[in-house]
Amino acid sequence: MSSTTRARVDARLGGDGYAIDTTLFGGMGDVWLLSRQDPPKDPRFEARVAVKTFHIDISEKLVVNELTNWLGLCHPRITPLLAIDYLNWHLAAVMPRMDGSLYEVITKKSFEPTVAMGIVRDILFALEFALGELGIYHLDIKPQNILWLNSPTNVKVADWGISRLASARATTAGMGNASATFTSAAGTPGYMGPERFDPEWPITAASDLYSLGLVASELVVGAFVTDLIRKHGFNEHGLTALNSAAAKVANQIGGSLGDFIAQCTALDPRQRPASFTDALRLLADR
């Protein structure tokens, strides 16, 4: 997602006027960072919000269906969805402004293993809650979707349901069909386990755990997933390179976090922890 700073212009959200501070352009849609001096009239919103709009080729019905799940997720480690509304007549997901994402952090520095383990544990708490509360998986865990507020160790998982919208967009492209059968291959290249390309393979916690295993590796040594995929491609060679890189990190740090990374990044999902709860047990202090 690329970023550009624009002149402050008015945007309408929930009957209130906002200034557009920055726009972030992405593949699924755009994120608008908005602010206003006075508290908004709409009690659902805040003076500083982040608003995601979606490209016009994505069915509004699908967007609402997927984002409704996010509305029901209230947890301290989940970025809250304040509302589903319209920004300048475009359907939008409205969130509170965060201070950044883990991706921006790990491109500049890494974390000590003990600190990284705390971050990973908090992400697992969010995943475990969403599954227990609404029976949903995230399916697009990556540093860009792990936001932070006040400190990079105070993380909140964002973009719940967005990967399924991407899957539906691919399924319905050129079909003029508002409904879709979601395929398992939804997510971000590099952070998706190989089983996601098998339509017969059921979606389980193993998919999110594979992604989180790679994120955990990057927390310790810095970002490398995107570079390896660019070098080798998102194919068998790329998956092997990622697996080798994660194994190297696991061996380097050892301990509970090393075991977690080694097991979660196994190419065979049957070799990963069976649940988020089992994964949390791996991170228990020794």
C-alpha atoms as a PDB file:
ATOM      1  CA  MET A   1       0.000   0.000   0.000  1.00  0.00           C
ATOM      2  CA  SER A   2       1.494   3.321  -1.065  1.00  0.00           C
ATOM      3  CA  SER A   3       1.020   6.595   0.745  1.00  0.00           C
ATOM      4  CA  THR A   4       0.720  10.227  -0.268  1.00  0.00           C
ATOM      5  CA  THR A   5      -0.091  13.381   1.668  1.00  0.00           C
ATOM      6  CA  ARG A   6      -2.723  15.600   0.149  1.00  0.00           C
ATOM      7  CA  ALA A   7      -4.080  19.076   0.730  1.00  0.00           C
ATOM      8  CA  ARG A   8      -6.685  19.253   3.469  1.00  0.00           C
ATOM      9  CA  VAL A   9     -10.075  18.970   1.825  1.00  0.00           C
ATOM     10  CA  ASP A  10     -13.526  18.200   3.177  1.00  0.00           C
ATOM     11  CA  ALA A  11     -14.936  14.690   3.375  1.00  0.00           C
ATOM     12  CA  ARG A  12     -18.393  13.818   4.584  1.00  0.00           C
ATOM     13  CA  LEU A  13     -18.795  11.017   7.123  1.00  0.00           C
ATOM     14  CA  GLY A  14     -21.919  10.395   9.161  1.00  0.00           C
ATOM     15  CA  GLY A  15     -23.174  13.918   8.538  1.00  0.00           C
ATOM     16  CA  ASP A  16     -19.918  15.485   9.741  1.00  0.00           C
ATOM     17  CA  GLY A  17     -17.181  17.208   7.797  1.00  0.00           C
ATOM     18  CA  TYR A  18     -13.615  15.947   8.107  1.00  0.00           C
ATOM     19  CA  ALA A  19     -10.260  17.000   6.731  1.00  0.00           C
ATOM     20  CA  ILE A  20      -8.363  14.359   4.763  1.00  0.00           C
ATOM     21  CA  ASP A  21      -4.885  14.119   6.270  1.00  0.00           C
ATOM     22  CA  THR A  22      -3.475  11.223   4.262  1.00  0.00           C
ATOM     23  CA  THR A  23      -4.654   8.610   1.776  1.00  0.00           C
ATOM     24  CA  LEU A  24      -3.207   5.096   1.624  1.00  0.00           C
ATOM     25  CA  PHE A  25      -3.834   3.296  -1.651  1.00  0.00           C
ATOM     26  CA  GLY A  26      -4.261  -0.485  -1.645  1.00  0.00           C
ATOM     27  CA  GLY A  27      -5.355  -3.376  -3.801  1.00  0.00           C
ATOM     28  CA  MET A  28      -8.765  -3.858  -2.157  1.00  0.00           C
ATOM     29  CA  GLY A  29      -9.520  -0.194  -1.603  1.00  0.00           C
ATOM     30  CA  ASP A  30      -8.169   2.984  -0.047  1.00  0.00           C
ATOM     31  CA  VAL A  31      -7.678   4.050   3.569  1.00  0.00           C
ATOM     32  CA  TRP A  32      -8.396   7.655   4.437  1.00  0.00           C
ATOM     33  CA  LEU A  33      -6.942   9.199   7.600  1.00  0.00           C
ATOM     34  CA  LEU A  34      -9.398  11.886   8.650  1.00  0.00           C
ATOM     35  CA  SER A  35      -9.546  14.468  11.403  1.00  0.00           C
ATOM     36  CA  ARG A  36     -11.659  17.369  12.642  1.00  0.00           C
ATOM     37  CA  GLN A  37     -11.130  19.928  15.398  1.00  0.00           C
ATOM     38  CA  ASP A  38     -14.481  19.528  17.140  1.00  0.00           C
ATOM     39  CA  PRO A  39     -16.056  16.266  18.359  1.00  0.00           C
ATOM     40  CA  PRO A  40     -18.285  14.780  15.654  1.00  0.00           C
ATOM     41  CA  LYS A  41     -22.052  14.937  16.007  1.00  0.00           C
ATOM     42  CA  ASP A  42     -22.339  11.220  15.320  1.00  0.00           C
ATOM     43  CA  PRO A  43     -21.610   9.465  18.658  1.00  0.00           C
ATOM     44  CA  ARG A  44     -20.195   6.415  16.848  1.00  0.00           C
ATOM     45  CA  PHE A  45     -17.202   8.338  15.546  1.00  0.00           C
ATOM     46  CA  GLU A  46     -14.168  10.115  16.932  1.00  0.00           C
ATOM     47  CA  ALA A  47     -12.372  13.309  15.948  1.00  0.00           C
ATOM     48  CA  ARG A  48      -9.599  11.234  14.353  1.00  0.00           C
ATOM     49  CA  VAL A  49     -10.631   8.166  12.348  1.00  0.00           C
ATOM     50  CA  ALA A  50      -9.292   5.832   9.705  1.00  0.00           C
ATOM     51  CA  VAL A  51     -11.797   4.952   7.003  1.00  0.00           C
ATOM     52  CA  LYS A  52     -11.431   2.151   4.465  1.00  0.00           C
ATOM     53  CA  THR A  53     -13.404   2.416   1.228  1.00  0.00           C
ATOM     54  CA  PHE A  54     -13.716  -0.418  -1.256  1.00  0.00           C
ATOM     55  CA  HIS A  55     -13.313  -0.593  -5.006  1.00  0.00           C
ATOM     56  CA  ILE A  56     -16.557  -0.405  -6.950  1.00  0.00           C
ATOM     57  CA  ASP A  57     -16.185  -3.940  -8.361  1.00  0.00           C
ATOM     58  CA  ILE A  58     -16.778  -5.427  -4.894  1.00  0.00           C
ATOM     59  CA  SER A  59     -20.419  -6.099  -4.042  1.00  0.00           C
ATOM     60  CA  GLU A  60     -21.724  -3.864  -1.250  1.00  0.00           C
ATOM     61  CA  LYS A  61     -23.738  -6.813   0.040  1.00  0.00           C
ATOM     62  CA  LEU A  62     -20.584  -8.870   0.479  1.00  0.00           C
ATOM     63  CA  VAL A  63     -18.786  -5.996   2.173  1.00  0.00           C
ATOM     64  CA  VAL A  64     -21.585  -5.521   4.693  1.00  0.00           C
ATOM     65  CA  ASN A  65     -21.879  -9.261   5.363  1.00  0.00           C
ATOM     66  CA  GLU A  66     -18.162  -9.635   6.088  1.00  0.00           C
ATOM     67  CA  LEU A  67     -17.723  -6.414   8.049  1.00  0.00           C
ATOM     68  CA  THR A  68     -20.737  -7.199  10.239  1.00  0.00           C
ATOM     69  CA  ASN A  69     -18.645  -9.951  11.849  1.00  0.00           C
ATOM     70  CA  TRP A  70     -15.944  -7.415  12.633  1.00  0.00           C
ATOM     71  CA  LEU A  71     -18.519  -5.152  14.301  1.00  0.00           C
ATOM     72  CA  GLY A  72     -19.211  -7.951  16.754  1.00  0.00           C
ATOM     73  CA  LEU A  73     -15.585  -8.353  17.839  1.00  0.00           C
ATOM     74  CA  CYS A  74     -14.943  -6.411  21.044  1.00  0.00           C
ATOM     75  CA  HIS A  75     -11.552  -7.303  22.497  1.00  0.00           C
ATOM     76  CA  PRO A  76      -8.568  -5.222  23.655  1.00  0.00           C
ATOM     77  CA  ARG A  77      -6.323  -6.886  21.038  1.00  0.00           C
ATOM     78  CA  ILE A  78      -8.697  -6.285  18.128  1.00  0.00           C
ATOM     79  CA  THR A  79      -8.919  -2.962  16.283  1.00  0.00           C
ATOM     80  CA  PRO A  80     -12.563  -1.985  16.785  1.00  0.00           C
ATOM     81  CA  LEU A  81     -14.812  -1.318  13.824  1.00  0.00           C
ATOM     82  CA  LEU A  82     -16.763   1.767  14.848  1.00  0.00           C
ATOM     83  CA  ALA A  83     -19.309   1.582  12.059  1.00  0.00           C
ATOM     84  CA  ILE A  84     -20.132   0.613   8.483  1.00  0.00           C
ATOM     85  CA  ASP A  85     -21.049   3.912   6.848  1.00  0.00           C
ATOM     86  CA  TYR A  86     -20.447   6.023   3.762  1.00  0.00           C
ATOM     87  CA  LEU A  87     -17.540   8.356   3.039  1.00  0.00           C
ATOM     88  CA  ASN A  88     -18.417  10.729   0.205  1.00  0.00           C
ATOM     89  CA  TRP A  89     -21.074   8.213  -0.944  1.00  0.00           C
ATOM     90  CA  HIS A  90     -18.664   5.249  -0.896  1.00  0.00           C
ATOM     91  CA  LEU A  91     -19.356   2.342   1.455  1.00  0.00           C
ATOM     92  CA  ALA A  92     -16.724   2.419   4.180  1.00  0.00           C
ATOM     93  CA  ALA A  93     -15.401   0.714   7.296  1.00  0.00           C
ATOM     94  CA  VAL A  94     -14.749   3.281  10.030  1.00  0.00           C
ATOM     95  CA  MET A  95     -12.022   2.629  12.631  1.00  0.00           C
ATOM     96  CA  PRO A  96     -10.228   4.696  15.266  1.00  0.00           C
ATOM     97  CA  ARG A  97      -6.842   6.060  14.203  1.00  0.00           C
ATOM     98  CA  MET A  98      -3.867   3.974  15.285  1.00  0.00           C
ATOM     99  CA  ASP A  99      -0.215   5.077  15.400  1.00  0.00           C
ATOM    100  CA  GLY A 100       1.078   2.620  12.800  1.00  0.00           C
ATOM    101  CA  SER A 101       1.509  -1.023  11.827  1.00  0.00           C
ATOM    102  CA  LEU A 102       4.124  -3.576  12.791  1.00  0.00           C
ATOM    103  CA  TYR A 103       5.318  -3.614   9.192  1.00  0.00           C
ATOM    104  CA  GLU A 104       6.596  -0.057   9.481  1.00  0.00           C
ATOM    105  CA  VAL A 105       8.387  -1.033  12.680  1.00  0.00           C
ATOM    106  CA  ILE A 106      10.094  -4.234  11.505  1.00  0.00           C
ATOM    107  CA  THR A 107      11.441  -2.597   8.355  1.00  0.00           C
ATOM    108  CA  LYS A 108      13.556  -0.432  10.681  1.00  0.00           C
ATOM    109  CA  LYS A 109      14.277  -2.590  13.720  1.00  0.00           C
ATOM    110  CA  SER A 110      13.620  -5.922  15.390  1.00  0.00           C
ATOM    111  CA  PHE A 111      12.385  -6.935  18.831  1.00  0.00           C
ATOM    112  CA  GLU A 112      14.058  -8.930  21.560  1.00  0.00           C
ATOM    113  CA  PRO A 113      12.616 -12.489  21.605  1.00  0.00           C
ATOM    114  CA  THR A 114      10.920 -11.967  24.975  1.00  0.00           C
ATOM    115  CA  VAL A 115       9.178  -8.823  23.685  1.00  0.00           C
ATOM    116  CA  ALA A 116       8.267 -10.531  20.405  1.00  0.00           C
ATOM    117  CA  MET A 117       6.774 -13.429  22.347  1.00  0.00           C
ATOM    118  CA  GLY A 118       4.484 -11.044  24.227  1.00  0.00           C
ATOM    119  CA  ILE A 119       3.291  -9.508  20.956  1.00  0.00           C
ATOM    120  CA  VAL A 120       2.649 -12.944  19.426  1.00  0.00           C
ATOM    121  CA  ARG A 121       0.758 -14.035  22.525  1.00  0.00           C
ATOM    122  CA  ASP A 122      -1.509 -10.972  22.297  1.00  0.00           C
ATOM    123  CA  ILE A 123      -2.259 -11.712  18.629  1.00  0.00           C
ATOM    124  CA  LEU A 124      -3.139 -15.283  19.597  1.00  0.00           C
ATOM    125  CA  PHE A 125      -5.543 -13.982  22.231  1.00  0.00           C
ATOM    126  CA  ALA A 126      -7.319 -11.980  19.492  1.00  0.00           C
ATOM    127  CA  LEU A 127      -7.495 -14.992  17.163  1.00  0.00           C
ATOM    128  CA  GLU A 128      -8.734 -17.281  19.936  1.00  0.00           C
ATOM    129  CA  PHE A 129     -11.415 -14.760  20.926  1.00  0.00           C
ATOM    130  CA  ALA A 130     -12.711 -14.291  17.364  1.00  0.00           C
ATOM    131  CA  LEU A 131     -12.978 -18.029  16.826  1.00  0.00           C
ATOM    132  CA  GLY A 132     -14.714 -18.637  20.148  1.00  0.00           C
ATOM    133  CA  GLU A 133     -17.025 -15.621  19.880  1.00  0.00           C
ATOM    134  CA  LEU A 134     -18.085 -15.773  16.237  1.00  0.00           C
ATOM    135  CA  GLY A 135     -16.447 -18.890  14.821  1.00  0.00           C
ATOM    136  CA  ILE A 136     -14.306 -16.931  12.336  1.00  0.00           C
ATOM    137  CA  TYR A 137     -10.664 -17.052  11.275  1.00  0.00           C
ATOM    138  CA  HIS A 138      -8.723 -14.010  10.132  1.00  0.00           C
ATOM    139  CA  LEU A 139      -6.972 -15.521   7.069  1.00  0.00           C
ATOM    140  CA  ASP A 140      -4.743 -12.516   6.405  1.00  0.00           C
ATOM    141  CA  ILE A 141      -2.404 -12.219   9.373  1.00  0.00           C
ATOM    142  CA  LYS A 142       0.596 -10.106   8.351  1.00  0.00           C
ATOM    143  CA  PRO A 143       2.547  -7.212   9.862  1.00  0.00           C
ATOM    144  CA  GLN A 144       0.490  -4.651   7.912  1.00  0.00           C
ATOM    145  CA  ASN A 145      -2.693  -5.863   9.632  1.00  0.00           C
ATOM    146  CA  ILE A 146      -1.217  -5.713  13.134  1.00  0.00           C
ATOM    147  CA  LEU A 147      -1.688  -2.120  14.236  1.00  0.00           C
ATOM    148  CA  TRP A 148      -0.319  -0.450  17.361  1.00  0.00           C
ATOM    149  CA  LEU A 149      -1.322   2.394  19.629  1.00  0.00           C
ATOM    150  CA  ASN A 150       1.032   4.388  21.905  1.00  0.00           C
ATOM    151  CA  SER A 151       3.685   1.640  21.761  1.00  0.00           C
ATOM    152  CA  PRO A 152       4.538  -1.023  19.132  1.00  0.00           C
ATOM    153  CA  THR A 153       4.044  -3.623  21.847  1.00  0.00           C
ATOM    154  CA  ASN A 154       0.398  -2.550  22.307  1.00  0.00           C
ATOM    155  CA  VAL A 155      -0.975  -4.347  19.264  1.00  0.00           C
ATOM    156  CA  LYS A 156      -4.457  -4.691  17.799  1.00  0.00           C
ATOM    157  CA  VAL A 157      -5.417  -6.981  14.914  1.00  0.00           C
ATOM    158  CA  ALA A 158      -7.270  -5.238  12.061  1.00  0.00           C
ATOM    159  CA  ASP A 159      -8.945  -6.033   8.728  1.00  0.00           C
ATOM    160  CA  TRP A 160     -11.202  -8.878   9.802  1.00  0.00           C
ATOM    161  CA  GLY A 161     -13.048 -10.311   6.801  1.00  0.00           C
ATOM    162  CA  ILE A 162     -11.065  -8.373   4.204  1.00  0.00           C
ATOM    163  CA  SER A 163      -9.303 -11.476   2.841  1.00  0.00           C
ATOM    164  CA  ARG A 164     -12.658 -13.132   2.156  1.00  0.00           C
ATOM    165  CA  LEU A 165     -13.737 -10.049   0.222  1.00  0.00           C
ATOM    166  CA  ALA A 166     -10.588 -10.384  -1.898  1.00  0.00           C
ATOM    167  CA  SER A 167     -11.485 -14.010  -2.563  1.00  0.00           C
ATOM    168  CA  ALA A 168     -15.023 -13.086  -3.552  1.00  0.00           C
ATOM    169  CA  ARG A 169     -13.731 -10.319  -5.804  1.00  0.00           C
ATOM    170  CA  ALA A 170     -11.583 -12.819  -7.712  1.00  0.00           C
ATOM    171  CA  THR A 171     -14.429 -15.333  -7.889  1.00  0.00           C
ATOM    172  CA  THR A 172     -16.982 -12.901  -9.271  1.00  0.00           C
ATOM    173  CA  ALA A 173     -14.698 -10.870 -11.559  1.00  0.00           C
ATOM    174  CA  GLY A 174     -16.379 -10.520 -14.930  1.00  0.00           C
ATOM    175  CA  MET A 175     -19.350 -12.650 -13.858  1.00  0.00           C
ATOM    176  CA  GLY A 176     -21.769  -9.915 -12.878  1.00  0.00           C
ATOM    177  CA  ASN A 177     -22.743 -12.045  -9.905  1.00  0.00           C
ATOM    178  CA  ALA A 178     -23.307 -10.525  -6.492  1.00  0.00           C
ATOM    179  CA  SER A 179     -22.879 -13.851  -4.715  1.00  0.00           C
ATOM    180  CA  ALA A 180     -19.724 -15.867  -4.430  1.00  0.00           C
ATOM    181  CA  THR A 181     -18.272 -19.071  -3.146  1.00  0.00           C
ATOM    182  CA  PHE A 182     -15.227 -18.107  -1.151  1.00  0.00           C
ATOM    183  CA  THR A 183     -12.142 -20.072  -2.130  1.00  0.00           C
ATOM    184  CA  SER A 184      -9.472 -21.021   0.369  1.00  0.00           C
ATOM    185  CA  ALA A 185      -6.806 -19.030  -1.527  1.00  0.00           C
ATOM    186  CA  ALA A 186      -7.503 -15.671   0.086  1.00  0.00           C
ATOM    187  CA  GLY A 187      -4.782 -13.744   1.820  1.00  0.00           C
ATOM    188  CA  THR A 188      -1.399 -12.198   1.095  1.00  0.00           C
ATOM    189  CA  PRO A 189       1.261 -14.039  -0.948  1.00  0.00           C
ATOM    190  CA  GLY A 190       4.080 -15.112   1.305  1.00  0.00           C
ATOM    191  CA  TYR A 191       1.996 -15.328   4.458  1.00  0.00           C
ATOM    192  CA  MET A 192      -0.325 -18.041   3.126  1.00  0.00           C
ATOM    193  CA  GLY A 193       0.399 -21.699   3.803  1.00  0.00           C
ATOM    194  CA  PRO A 194       0.518 -24.085   0.821  1.00  0.00           C
ATOM    195  CA  GLU A 195      -2.730 -25.789   1.888  1.00  0.00           C
ATOM    196  CA  ARG A 196      -4.645 -22.631   1.061  1.00  0.00           C
ATOM    197  CA  PHE A 197      -4.412 -23.522  -2.631  1.00  0.00           C
ATOM    198  CA  ASP A 198      -6.186 -26.838  -2.126  1.00  0.00           C
ATOM    199  CA  PRO A 199      -9.953 -26.156  -2.318  1.00  0.00           C
ATOM    200  CA  GLU A 200     -10.595 -29.465  -0.578  1.00  0.00           C
ATOM    201  CA  TRP A 201      -8.469 -28.608   2.440  1.00  0.00           C
ATOM    202  CA  PRO A 202     -10.604 -27.228   5.309  1.00  0.00           C
ATOM    203  CA  ILE A 203      -9.829 -23.846   6.781  1.00  0.00           C
ATOM    204  CA  THR A 204      -8.614 -24.314  10.361  1.00  0.00           C
ATOM    205  CA  ALA A 205      -6.486 -22.503  12.906  1.00  0.00           C
ATOM    206  CA  ALA A 206      -3.444 -23.923  11.076  1.00  0.00           C
ATOM    207  CA  SER A 207      -3.827 -21.293   8.345  1.00  0.00           C
ATOM    208  CA  ASP A 208      -3.631 -18.334  10.714  1.00  0.00           C
ATOM    209  CA  LEU A 209      -0.889 -20.027  12.739  1.00  0.00           C
ATOM    210  CA  TYR A 210       1.318 -20.409   9.657  1.00  0.00           C
ATOM    211  CA  SER A 211       0.998 -16.687   8.974  1.00  0.00           C
ATOM    212  CA  LEU A 212       1.650 -15.817  12.599  1.00  0.00           C
ATOM    213  CA  GLY A 213       4.732 -18.057  12.664  1.00  0.00           C
ATOM    214  CA  LEU A 214       6.229 -15.987   9.853  1.00  0.00           C
ATOM    215  CA  VAL A 215       5.239 -12.736  11.564  1.00  0.00           C
ATOM    216  CA  ALA A 216       6.927 -13.963  14.746  1.00  0.00           C
ATOM    217  CA  SER A 217      10.102 -14.639  12.768  1.00  0.00           C
ATOM    218  CA  GLU A 218      10.067 -11.138  11.317  1.00  0.00           C
ATOM    219  CA  LEU A 219       9.559  -9.575  14.733  1.00  0.00           C
ATOM    220  CA  VAL A 220      12.880 -11.077  15.829  1.00  0.00           C
ATOM    221  CA  VAL A 221      15.047 -10.463  12.747  1.00  0.00           C
ATOM    222  CA  GLY A 222      13.182  -7.794  10.765  1.00  0.00           C
ATOM    223  CA  ALA A 223      11.075  -7.970   7.616  1.00  0.00           C
ATOM    224  CA  PHE A 224      12.063 -10.626   5.078  1.00  0.00           C
ATOM    225  CA  VAL A 225       8.908 -12.313   3.731  1.00  0.00           C
ATOM    226  CA  THR A 226       8.149  -9.799   0.989  1.00  0.00           C
ATOM    227  CA  ASP A 227      11.781  -9.710  -0.198  1.00  0.00           C
ATOM    228  CA  LEU A 228      11.980 -13.505  -0.462  1.00  0.00           C
ATOM    229  CA  ILE A 229       8.736 -13.684  -2.424  1.00  0.00           C
ATOM    230  CA  ARG A 230       9.980 -10.993  -4.788  1.00  0.00           C
ATOM    231  CA  LYS A 231      13.202 -12.934  -5.275  1.00  0.00           C
ATOM    232  CA  HIS A 232      11.801 -16.459  -5.669  1.00  0.00           C
ATOM    233  CA  GLY A 233       8.146 -15.893  -6.544  1.00  0.00           C
ATOM    234  CA  PHE A 234       5.126 -17.205  -4.691  1.00  0.00           C
ATOM    235  CA  ASN A 235       5.659 -20.815  -5.664  1.00  0.00           C
ATOM    236  CA  GLU A 236       7.360 -23.941  -4.368  1.00  0.00           C
ATOM    237  CA  HIS A 237      10.768 -22.229  -4.419  1.00  0.00           C
ATOM    238  CA  GLY A 238       9.416 -19.244  -2.514  1.00  0.00           C
ATOM    239  CA  LEU A 239       7.700 -21.420   0.108  1.00  0.00           C
ATOM    240  CA  THR A 240      10.881 -23.433   0.596  1.00  0.00           C
ATOM    241  CA  ALA A 241      12.917 -20.248   1.015  1.00  0.00           C
ATOM    242  CA  LEU A 242      10.462 -18.906   3.597  1.00  0.00           C
ATOM    243  CA  ASN A 243      10.467 -22.206   5.470  1.00  0.00           C
ATOM    244  CA  SER A 244      14.272 -22.223   5.568  1.00  0.00           C
ATOM    245  CA  ALA A 245      14.416 -18.617   6.772  1.00  0.00           C
ATOM    246  CA  ALA A 246      11.892 -19.295   9.541  1.00  0.00           C
ATOM    247  CA  ALA A 247      13.743 -22.470  10.588  1.00  0.00           C
ATOM    248  CA  LYS A 248      16.970 -20.462  10.841  1.00  0.00           C
ATOM    249  CA  VAL A 249      15.295 -17.936  13.124  1.00  0.00           C
ATOM    250  CA  ALA A 250      13.784 -20.709  15.251  1.00  0.00           C
ATOM    251  CA  ASN A 251      17.165 -22.380  15.690  1.00  0.00           C
ATOM    252  CA  GLN A 252      18.833 -19.051  16.395  1.00  0.00           C
ATOM    253  CA  ILE A 253      16.565 -17.994  19.269  1.00  0.00           C
ATOM    254  CA  GLY A 254      15.472 -21.398  20.605  1.00  0.00           C
ATOM    255  CA  GLY A 255      13.186 -21.486  23.631  1.00  0.00           C
ATOM    256  CA  SER A 256       9.407 -21.270  23.576  1.00  0.00           C
ATOM    257  CA  LEU A 257       9.281 -18.766  20.729  1.00  0.00           C
ATOM    258  CA  GLY A 258      11.679 -20.855  18.648  1.00  0.00           C
ATOM    259  CA  ASP A 259       9.474 -23.913  19.128  1.00  0.00           C
ATOM    260  CA  PHE A 260       6.418 -21.853  18.201  1.00  0.00           C
ATOM    261  CA  ILE A 261       8.000 -20.603  14.970  1.00  0.00           C
ATOM    262  CA  ALA A 262       9.271 -24.053  13.983  1.00  0.00           C
ATOM    263  CA  GLN A 263       5.923 -25.746  14.491  1.00  0.00           C
ATOM    264  CA  CYS A 264       3.696 -23.013  13.073  1.00  0.00           C
ATOM    265  CA  THR A 265       5.690 -22.607   9.841  1.00  0.00           C
ATOM    266  CA  ALA A 266       5.657 -26.335   9.026  1.00  0.00           C
ATOM    267  CA  LEU A 267       4.600 -26.710   5.389  1.00  0.00           C
ATOM    268  CA  ASP A 268       2.313 -29.597   6.357  1.00  0.00           C
ATOM    269  CA  PRO A 269      -0.595 -28.078   8.351  1.00  0.00           C
ATOM    270  CA  ARG A 270      -0.999 -31.339  10.256  1.00  0.00           C
ATOM    271  CA  GLN A 271       2.358 -30.661  11.914  1.00  0.00           C
ATOM    272  CA  ARG A 272       1.249 -27.288  13.272  1.00  0.00           C
ATOM    273  CA  PRO A 273      -0.521 -26.768  16.611  1.00  0.00           C
ATOM    274  CA  ALA A 274      -4.092 -28.038  16.470  1.00  0.00           C
ATOM    275  CA  SER A 275      -5.601 -24.867  17.922  1.00  0.00           C
ATOM    276  CA  PHE A 276      -4.832 -21.343  19.092  1.00  0.00           C
ATOM    277  CA  THR A 277      -5.004 -22.656  22.647  1.00  0.00           C
ATOM    278  CA  ASP A 278      -2.344 -25.263  21.887  1.00  0.00           C
ATOM    279  CA  ALA A 279      -0.207 -22.549  20.293  1.00  0.00           C
ATOM    280  CA  LEU A 280      -0.504 -20.435  23.440  1.00  0.00           C
ATOM    281  CA  ARG A 281       0.719 -23.386  25.490  1.00  0.00           C
ATOM    282  CA  LEU A 282       3.878 -23.412  23.381  1.00  0.00           C
ATOM    283  CA  LEU A 283       4.604 -19.883  24.533  1.00  0.00           C
ATOM    284  CA  ALA A 284       4.333 -20.734  28.220  1.00  0.00           C
ATOM    285  CA  ASP A 285       7.415 -19.690  30.141  1.00  0.00           C
ATOM    286  CA  ARG A 286       9.919 -22.468  30.734  1.00  0.00           C
END
